[in-house]
């Protein structure tokens, strides 16, 4: 079930909701179904409980994963 972000056109409430197939979403605040779907940023992939979007030291080689157990990626 995908999670989508919406803004209610009636009460302007912004919310996230799991959308099940064929079931139209409704505002949890006022119950209206006149909604504007908002742009959602995708979740960041996790590797071993750590984000791949870690800042890098200037000397760190390019690539998405740590280069060694003592990698120069900053915590």
PDB file of N, CA and C in Angstrom:
ATOM      1  N   UNK A   1       0.847  -1.192   0.000  1.00  0.00           N
ATOM      2  CA  UNK A   1       0.000   0.000   0.000  1.00  0.00           C
ATOM      3  C   UNK A   1       0.885   1.245   0.000  1.00  0.00           C
ATOM      4  N   UNK A   2       0.744   2.063  -0.997  1.00  0.00           N
ATOM      5  CA  UNK A   2       1.560   3.278  -1.066  1.00  0.00           C
ATOM      6  C   UNK A   2       1.082   4.355  -0.097  1.00  0.00           C
ATOM      7  N   UNK A   3       2.040   5.115   0.389  1.00  0.00           N
ATOM      8  CA  UNK A   3       1.773   6.242   1.280  1.00  0.00           C
ATOM      9  C   UNK A   3       1.861   7.517   0.450  1.00  0.00           C
ATOM     10  N   UNK A   4       0.786   8.319   0.448  1.00  0.00           N
ATOM     11  CA  UNK A   4       0.742   9.552  -0.329  1.00  0.00           C
ATOM     12  C   UNK A   4       0.477  10.740   0.575  1.00  0.00           C
ATOM     13  N   UNK A   5       0.914  11.917   0.117  1.00  0.00           N
ATOM     14  CA  UNK A   5       0.652  13.172   0.826  1.00  0.00           C
ATOM     15  C   UNK A   5      -0.418  13.945   0.070  1.00  0.00           C
ATOM     16  N   UNK A   6      -1.354  14.526   0.816  1.00  0.00           N
ATOM     17  CA  UNK A   6      -2.445  15.291   0.228  1.00  0.00           C
ATOM     18  C   UNK A   6      -2.669  16.586   0.992  1.00  0.00           C
ATOM     19  N   UNK A   7      -3.330  17.534   0.322  1.00  0.00           N
ATOM     20  CA  UNK A   7      -3.844  18.747   0.963  1.00  0.00           C
ATOM     21  C   UNK A   7      -5.331  18.792   0.654  1.00  0.00           C
ATOM     22  N   UNK A   8      -6.143  18.962   1.692  1.00  0.00           N
ATOM     23  CA  UNK A   8      -7.589  19.047   1.527  1.00  0.00           C
ATOM     24  C   UNK A   8      -7.931  20.411   0.927  1.00  0.00           C
ATOM     25  N   UNK A   9      -8.714  20.409  -0.160  1.00  0.00           N
ATOM     26  CA  UNK A   9      -9.104  21.665  -0.799  1.00  0.00           C
ATOM     27  C   UNK A   9     -10.162  22.413   0.017  1.00  0.00           C
ATOM     28  N   UNK A  10     -10.811  21.746   0.947  1.00  0.00           N
ATOM     29  CA  UNK A  10     -11.848  22.379   1.768  1.00  0.00           C
ATOM     30  C   UNK A  10     -11.275  23.039   3.015  1.00  0.00           C
ATOM     31  N   UNK A  11     -10.458  22.290   3.779  1.00  0.00           N
ATOM     32  CA  UNK A  11      -9.964  22.823   5.059  1.00  0.00           C
ATOM     33  C   UNK A  11      -8.462  23.116   5.060  1.00  0.00           C
ATOM     34  N   UNK A  12      -7.769  22.852   3.961  1.00  0.00           N
ATOM     35  CA  UNK A  12      -6.327  23.103   3.787  1.00  0.00           C
ATOM     36  C   UNK A  12      -5.431  22.234   4.669  1.00  0.00           C
ATOM     37  N   UNK A  13      -5.980  21.219   5.287  1.00  0.00           N
ATOM     38  CA  UNK A  13      -5.193  20.295   6.110  1.00  0.00           C
ATOM     39  C   UNK A  13      -4.263  19.484   5.216  1.00  0.00           C
ATOM     40  N   UNK A  14      -2.965  19.359   5.573  1.00  0.00           N
ATOM     41  CA  UNK A  14      -2.020  18.500   4.866  1.00  0.00           C
ATOM     42  C   UNK A  14      -1.822  17.242   5.679  1.00  0.00           C
ATOM     43  N   UNK A  15      -1.812  16.084   4.987  1.00  0.00           N
ATOM     44  CA  UNK A  15      -1.702  14.816   5.705  1.00  0.00           C
ATOM     45  C   UNK A  15      -1.137  13.748   4.782  1.00  0.00           C
ATOM     46  N   UNK A  16      -0.656  12.658   5.399  1.00  0.00           N
ATOM     47  CA  UNK A  16      -0.206  11.460   4.687  1.00  0.00           C
ATOM     48  C   UNK A  16      -1.223  10.371   4.946  1.00  0.00           C
ATOM     49  N   UNK A  17      -1.460   9.541   3.935  1.00  0.00           N
ATOM     50  CA  UNK A  17      -2.423   8.460   4.118  1.00  0.00           C
ATOM     51  C   UNK A  17      -2.025   7.273   3.249  1.00  0.00           C
ATOM     52  N   UNK A  18      -2.217   6.066   3.777  1.00  0.00           N
ATOM     53  CA  UNK A  18      -2.022   4.842   3.002  1.00  0.00           C
ATOM     54  C   UNK A  18      -3.232   4.686   2.100  1.00  0.00           C
ATOM     55  N   UNK A  19      -2.991   4.501   0.805  1.00  0.00           N
ATOM     56  CA  UNK A  19      -4.089   4.390  -0.153  1.00  0.00           C
ATOM     57  C   UNK A  19      -4.210   2.945  -0.596  1.00  0.00           C
ATOM     58  N   UNK A  20      -5.347   2.347  -0.317  1.00  0.00           N
ATOM     59  CA  UNK A  20      -5.625   0.973  -0.749  1.00  0.00           C
ATOM     60  C   UNK A  20      -6.267   1.035  -2.128  1.00  0.00           C
ATOM     61  N   UNK A  21      -6.024   0.029  -2.938  1.00  0.00           N
ATOM     62  CA  UNK A  21      -6.536  -0.010  -4.302  1.00  0.00           C
ATOM     63  C   UNK A  21      -8.031   0.209  -4.383  1.00  0.00           C
ATOM     64  N   UNK A  22      -8.453   1.162  -5.216  1.00  0.00           N
ATOM     65  CA  UNK A  22      -9.869   1.420  -5.449  1.00  0.00           C
ATOM     66  C   UNK A  22     -10.568   2.206  -4.363  1.00  0.00           C
ATOM     67  N   UNK A  23      -9.903   2.486  -3.271  1.00  0.00           N
ATOM     68  CA  UNK A  23     -10.516   3.214  -2.159  1.00  0.00           C
ATOM     69  C   UNK A  23     -10.094   4.675  -2.227  1.00  0.00           C
ATOM     70  N   UNK A  24     -11.023   5.613  -2.485  1.00  0.00           N
ATOM     71  CA  UNK A  24     -10.629   7.026  -2.573  1.00  0.00           C
ATOM     72  C   UNK A  24     -10.252   7.577  -1.191  1.00  0.00           C
ATOM     73  N   UNK A  25      -9.149   8.320  -1.100  1.00  0.00           N
ATOM     74  CA  UNK A  25      -8.751   8.886   0.186  1.00  0.00           C
ATOM     75  C   UNK A  25      -9.678  10.035   0.585  1.00  0.00           C
ATOM     76  N   UNK A  26      -9.770  10.265   1.880  1.00  0.00           N
ATOM     77  CA  UNK A  26     -10.571  11.364   2.416  1.00  0.00           C
ATOM     78  C   UNK A  26      -9.766  12.086   3.489  1.00  0.00           C
ATOM     79  N   UNK A  27     -10.045  13.358   3.674  1.00  0.00           N
ATOM     80  CA  UNK A  27      -9.371  14.164   4.679  1.00  0.00           C
ATOM     81  C   UNK A  27      -9.702  13.631   6.074  1.00  0.00           C
ATOM     82  N   UNK A  28      -8.686  13.353   6.901  1.00  0.00           N
ATOM     83  CA  UNK A  28      -8.955  12.867   8.263  1.00  0.00           C
ATOM     84  C   UNK A  28      -9.552  13.943   9.160  1.00  0.00           C
ATOM     85  N   UNK A  29      -9.413  15.222   8.758  1.00  0.00           N
ATOM     86  CA  UNK A  29      -9.921  16.319   9.578  1.00  0.00           C
ATOM     87  C   UNK A  29     -11.405  16.585   9.317  1.00  0.00           C
ATOM     88  N   UNK A  30     -11.755  16.779   8.007  1.00  0.00           N
ATOM     89  CA  UNK A  30     -13.142  17.140   7.688  1.00  0.00           C
ATOM     90  C   UNK A  30     -13.894  16.053   6.927  1.00  0.00           C
ATOM     91  N   UNK A  31     -13.181  15.022   6.441  1.00  0.00           N
ATOM     92  CA  UNK A  31     -13.831  13.921   5.738  1.00  0.00           C
ATOM     93  C   UNK A  31     -14.076  14.161   4.255  1.00  0.00           C
ATOM     94  N   UNK A  32     -13.708  15.325   3.733  1.00  0.00           N
ATOM     95  CA  UNK A  32     -13.944  15.639   2.328  1.00  0.00           C
ATOM     96  C   UNK A  32     -13.006  14.829   1.431  1.00  0.00           C
ATOM     97  N   UNK A  33     -13.440  14.552   0.210  1.00  0.00           N
ATOM     98  CA  UNK A  33     -12.628  13.792  -0.739  1.00  0.00           C
ATOM     99  C   UNK A  33     -12.036  14.683  -1.830  1.00  0.00           C
ATOM    100  N   UNK A  34     -12.236  15.997  -1.750  1.00  0.00           N
ATOM    101  CA  UNK A  34     -11.645  16.930  -2.706  1.00  0.00           C
ATOM    102  C   UNK A  34     -10.231  17.264  -2.233  1.00  0.00           C
ATOM    103  N   UNK A  35      -9.269  16.479  -2.747  1.00  0.00           N
ATOM    104  CA  UNK A  35      -7.888  16.561  -2.273  1.00  0.00           C
ATOM    105  C   UNK A  35      -6.948  16.894  -3.413  1.00  0.00           C
ATOM    106  N   UNK A  36      -5.862  17.561  -3.057  1.00  0.00           N
ATOM    107  CA  UNK A  36      -4.774  17.828  -3.993  1.00  0.00           C
ATOM    108  C   UNK A  36      -3.614  16.939  -3.588  1.00  0.00           C
ATOM    109  N   UNK A  37      -3.140  16.107  -4.521  1.00  0.00           N
ATOM    110  CA  UNK A  37      -2.010  15.238  -4.225  1.00  0.00           C
ATOM    111  C   UNK A  37      -0.745  16.082  -4.247  1.00  0.00           C
ATOM    112  N   UNK A  38       0.080  15.963  -3.203  1.00  0.00           N
ATOM    113  CA  UNK A  38       1.314  16.730  -3.076  1.00  0.00           C
ATOM    114  C   UNK A  38       2.497  15.901  -3.529  1.00  0.00           C
ATOM    115  N   UNK A  39       3.554  16.592  -3.919  1.00  0.00           N
ATOM    116  CA  UNK A  39       4.789  15.916  -4.293  1.00  0.00           C
ATOM    117  C   UNK A  39       5.471  15.402  -3.038  1.00  0.00           C
ATOM    118  N   UNK A  40       5.820  14.131  -3.017  1.00  0.00           N
ATOM    119  CA  UNK A  40       6.511  13.519  -1.880  1.00  0.00           C
ATOM    120  C   UNK A  40       7.931  13.179  -2.280  1.00  0.00           C
ATOM    121  N   UNK A  41       8.885  13.487  -1.411  1.00  0.00           N
ATOM    122  CA  UNK A  41      10.261  13.098  -1.662  1.00  0.00           C
ATOM    123  C   UNK A  41      10.406  11.622  -1.314  1.00  0.00           C
ATOM    124  N   UNK A  42      11.114  10.866  -2.149  1.00  0.00           N
ATOM    125  CA  UNK A  42      11.293   9.446  -1.853  1.00  0.00           C
ATOM    126  C   UNK A  42      12.141   9.246  -0.600  1.00  0.00           C
ATOM    127  N   UNK A  43      11.922   8.128   0.048  1.00  0.00           N
ATOM    128  CA  UNK A  43      12.696   7.789   1.240  1.00  0.00           C
ATOM    129  C   UNK A  43      14.134   7.501   0.839  1.00  0.00           C
ATOM    130  N   UNK A  44      15.078   7.733   1.729  1.00  0.00           N
ATOM    131  CA  UNK A  44      16.492   7.470   1.487  1.00  0.00           C
ATOM    132  C   UNK A  44      16.762   6.019   1.828  1.00  0.00           C
ATOM    133  N   UNK A  45      17.458   5.323   0.936  1.00  0.00           N
ATOM    134  CA  UNK A  45      17.796   3.919   1.169  1.00  0.00           C
ATOM    135  C   UNK A  45      18.718   3.806   2.381  1.00  0.00           C
ATOM    136  N   UNK A  46      18.547   2.745   3.136  1.00  0.00           N
ATOM    137  CA  UNK A  46      19.361   2.497   4.315  1.00  0.00           C
ATOM    138  C   UNK A  46      20.242   1.275   4.072  1.00  0.00           C
ATOM    139  N   UNK A  47      21.489   1.335   4.495  1.00  0.00           N
ATOM    140  CA  UNK A  47      22.406   0.210   4.408  1.00  0.00           C
ATOM    141  C   UNK A  47      22.963  -0.017   5.800  1.00  0.00           C
ATOM    142  N   UNK A  48      22.642  -1.154   6.387  1.00  0.00           N
ATOM    143  CA  UNK A  48      23.151  -1.461   7.716  1.00  0.00           C
ATOM    144  C   UNK A  48      22.741  -0.436   8.751  1.00  0.00           C
ATOM    145  N   UNK A  49      21.553   0.154   8.582  1.00  0.00           N
ATOM    146  CA  UNK A  49      21.056   1.121   9.545  1.00  0.00           C
ATOM    147  C   UNK A  49      21.616   2.520   9.365  1.00  0.00           C
ATOM    148  N   UNK A  50      22.458   2.739   8.336  1.00  0.00           N
ATOM    149  CA  UNK A  50      23.028   4.057   8.102  1.00  0.00           C
ATOM    150  C   UNK A  50      22.596   4.561   6.731  1.00  0.00           C
ATOM    151  N   UNK A  51      22.332   5.822   6.625  1.00  0.00           N
ATOM    152  CA  UNK A  51      21.950   6.427   5.359  1.00  0.00           C
ATOM    153  C   UNK A  51      23.121   6.426   4.396  1.00  0.00           C
ATOM    154  N   UNK A  52      22.825   6.243   3.096  1.00  0.00           N
ATOM    155  CA  UNK A  52      23.871   6.310   2.081  1.00  0.00           C
ATOM    156  C   UNK A  52      24.220   7.750   1.757  1.00  0.00           C
ATOM    157  N   UNK A  53      23.439   8.713   2.191  1.00  0.00           N
ATOM    158  CA  UNK A  53      23.686  10.113   1.873  1.00  0.00           C
ATOM    159  C   UNK A  53      24.502  10.799   2.958  1.00  0.00           C
ATOM    160  N   UNK A  54      25.533  10.144   3.411  1.00  0.00           N
ATOM    161  CA  UNK A  54      26.389  10.726   4.435  1.00  0.00           C
ATOM    162  C   UNK A  54      27.334  11.730   3.801  1.00  0.00           C
ATOM    163  N   UNK A  55      27.682  12.802   4.517  1.00  0.00           N
ATOM    164  CA  UNK A  55      28.675  13.719   3.976  1.00  0.00           C
ATOM    165  C   UNK A  55      30.023  13.011   3.884  1.00  0.00           C
ATOM    166  N   UNK A  56      30.855  13.457   2.937  1.00  0.00           N
ATOM    167  CA  UNK A  56      32.152  12.815   2.740  1.00  0.00           C
ATOM    168  C   UNK A  56      33.282  13.774   3.046  1.00  0.00           C
ATOM    169  N   UNK A  57      34.362  13.216   3.523  1.00  0.00           N
ATOM    170  CA  UNK A  57      35.584  13.992   3.687  1.00  0.00           C
ATOM    171  C   UNK A  57      36.131  14.281   2.289  1.00  0.00           C
ATOM    172  N   UNK A  58      36.868  15.373   2.105  1.00  0.00           N
ATOM    173  CA  UNK A  58      37.394  15.702   0.777  1.00  0.00           C
ATOM    174  C   UNK A  58      38.264  14.600   0.172  1.00  0.00           C
ATOM    175  N   UNK A  59      38.909  13.791   0.984  1.00  0.00           N
ATOM    176  CA  UNK A  59      39.794  12.739   0.472  1.00  0.00           C
ATOM    177  C   UNK A  59      39.065  11.427   0.202  1.00  0.00           C
ATOM    178  N   UNK A  60      37.783  11.355   0.459  1.00  0.00           N
ATOM    179  CA  UNK A  60      37.028  10.113   0.302  1.00  0.00           C
ATOM    180  C   UNK A  60      36.801   9.805  -1.180  1.00  0.00           C
ATOM    181  N   UNK A  61      36.988   8.543  -1.603  1.00  0.00           N
ATOM    182  CA  UNK A  61      36.743   8.195  -3.002  1.00  0.00           C
ATOM    183  C   UNK A  61      35.253   8.244  -3.315  1.00  0.00           C
ATOM    184  N   UNK A  62      34.875   8.475  -4.581  1.00  0.00           N
ATOM    185  CA  UNK A  62      33.464   8.531  -4.939  1.00  0.00           C
ATOM    186  C   UNK A  62      32.807   7.170  -4.807  1.00  0.00           C
ATOM    187  N   UNK A  63      31.507   7.162  -4.639  1.00  0.00           N
ATOM    188  CA  UNK A  63      30.742   5.924  -4.544  1.00  0.00           C
ATOM    189  C   UNK A  63      29.739   6.005  -3.417  1.00  0.00           C
ATOM    190  N   UNK A  64      28.676   5.204  -3.504  1.00  0.00           N
ATOM    191  CA  UNK A  64      27.611   5.290  -2.509  1.00  0.00           C
ATOM    192  C   UNK A  64      27.893   4.552  -1.206  1.00  0.00           C
ATOM    193  N   UNK A  65      28.821   3.602  -1.197  1.00  0.00           N
ATOM    194  CA  UNK A  65      29.052   2.786  -0.006  1.00  0.00           C
ATOM    195  C   UNK A  65      30.407   3.087   0.616  1.00  0.00           C
ATOM    196  N   UNK A  66      30.567   2.803   1.906  1.00  0.00           N
ATOM    197  CA  UNK A  66      31.872   2.970   2.544  1.00  0.00           C
ATOM    198  C   UNK A  66      32.915   2.132   1.820  1.00  0.00           C
ATOM    199  N   UNK A  67      34.132   2.661   1.705  1.00  0.00           N
ATOM    200  CA  UNK A  67      35.190   1.978   0.957  1.00  0.00           C
ATOM    201  C   UNK A  67      35.927   0.928   1.786  1.00  0.00           C
ATOM    202  N   UNK A  68      35.820   0.988   3.112  1.00  0.00           N
ATOM    203  CA  UNK A  68      36.483   0.025   3.973  1.00  0.00           C
ATOM    204  C   UNK A  68      35.881   0.135   5.370  1.00  0.00           C
ATOM    205  N   UNK A  69      36.241  -0.786   6.273  1.00  0.00           N
ATOM    206  CA  UNK A  69      35.734  -0.679   7.653  1.00  0.00           C
ATOM    207  C   UNK A  69      36.171   0.611   8.343  1.00  0.00           C
ATOM    208  N   UNK A  70      37.258   1.190   7.906  1.00  0.00           N
ATOM    209  CA  UNK A  70      37.731   2.458   8.478  1.00  0.00           C
ATOM    210  C   UNK A  70      37.522   3.596   7.474  1.00  0.00           C
ATOM    211  N   UNK A  71      36.411   3.549   6.785  1.00  0.00           N
ATOM    212  CA  UNK A  71      36.101   4.504   5.718  1.00  0.00           C
ATOM    213  C   UNK A  71      36.161   5.949   6.207  1.00  0.00           C
ATOM    214  N   UNK A  72      36.482   6.828   5.264  1.00  0.00           N
ATOM    215  CA  UNK A  72      36.586   8.251   5.596  1.00  0.00           C
ATOM    216  C   UNK A  72      35.226   8.950   5.589  1.00  0.00           C
ATOM    217  N   UNK A  73      34.132   8.232   5.430  1.00  0.00           N
ATOM    218  CA  UNK A  73      32.805   8.839   5.498  1.00  0.00           C
ATOM    219  C   UNK A  73      32.618   9.422   6.899  1.00  0.00           C
ATOM    220  N   UNK A  74      32.085  10.608   6.977  1.00  0.00           N
ATOM    221  CA  UNK A  74      31.866  11.246   8.267  1.00  0.00           C
ATOM    222  C   UNK A  74      30.593  10.722   8.911  1.00  0.00           C
ATOM    223  N   UNK A  75      30.527  10.529  10.223  1.00  0.00           N
ATOM    224  CA  UNK A  75      29.323  10.000  10.861  1.00  0.00           C
ATOM    225  C   UNK A  75      28.164  10.966  10.801  1.00  0.00           C
TER     226      UNK A  75
END
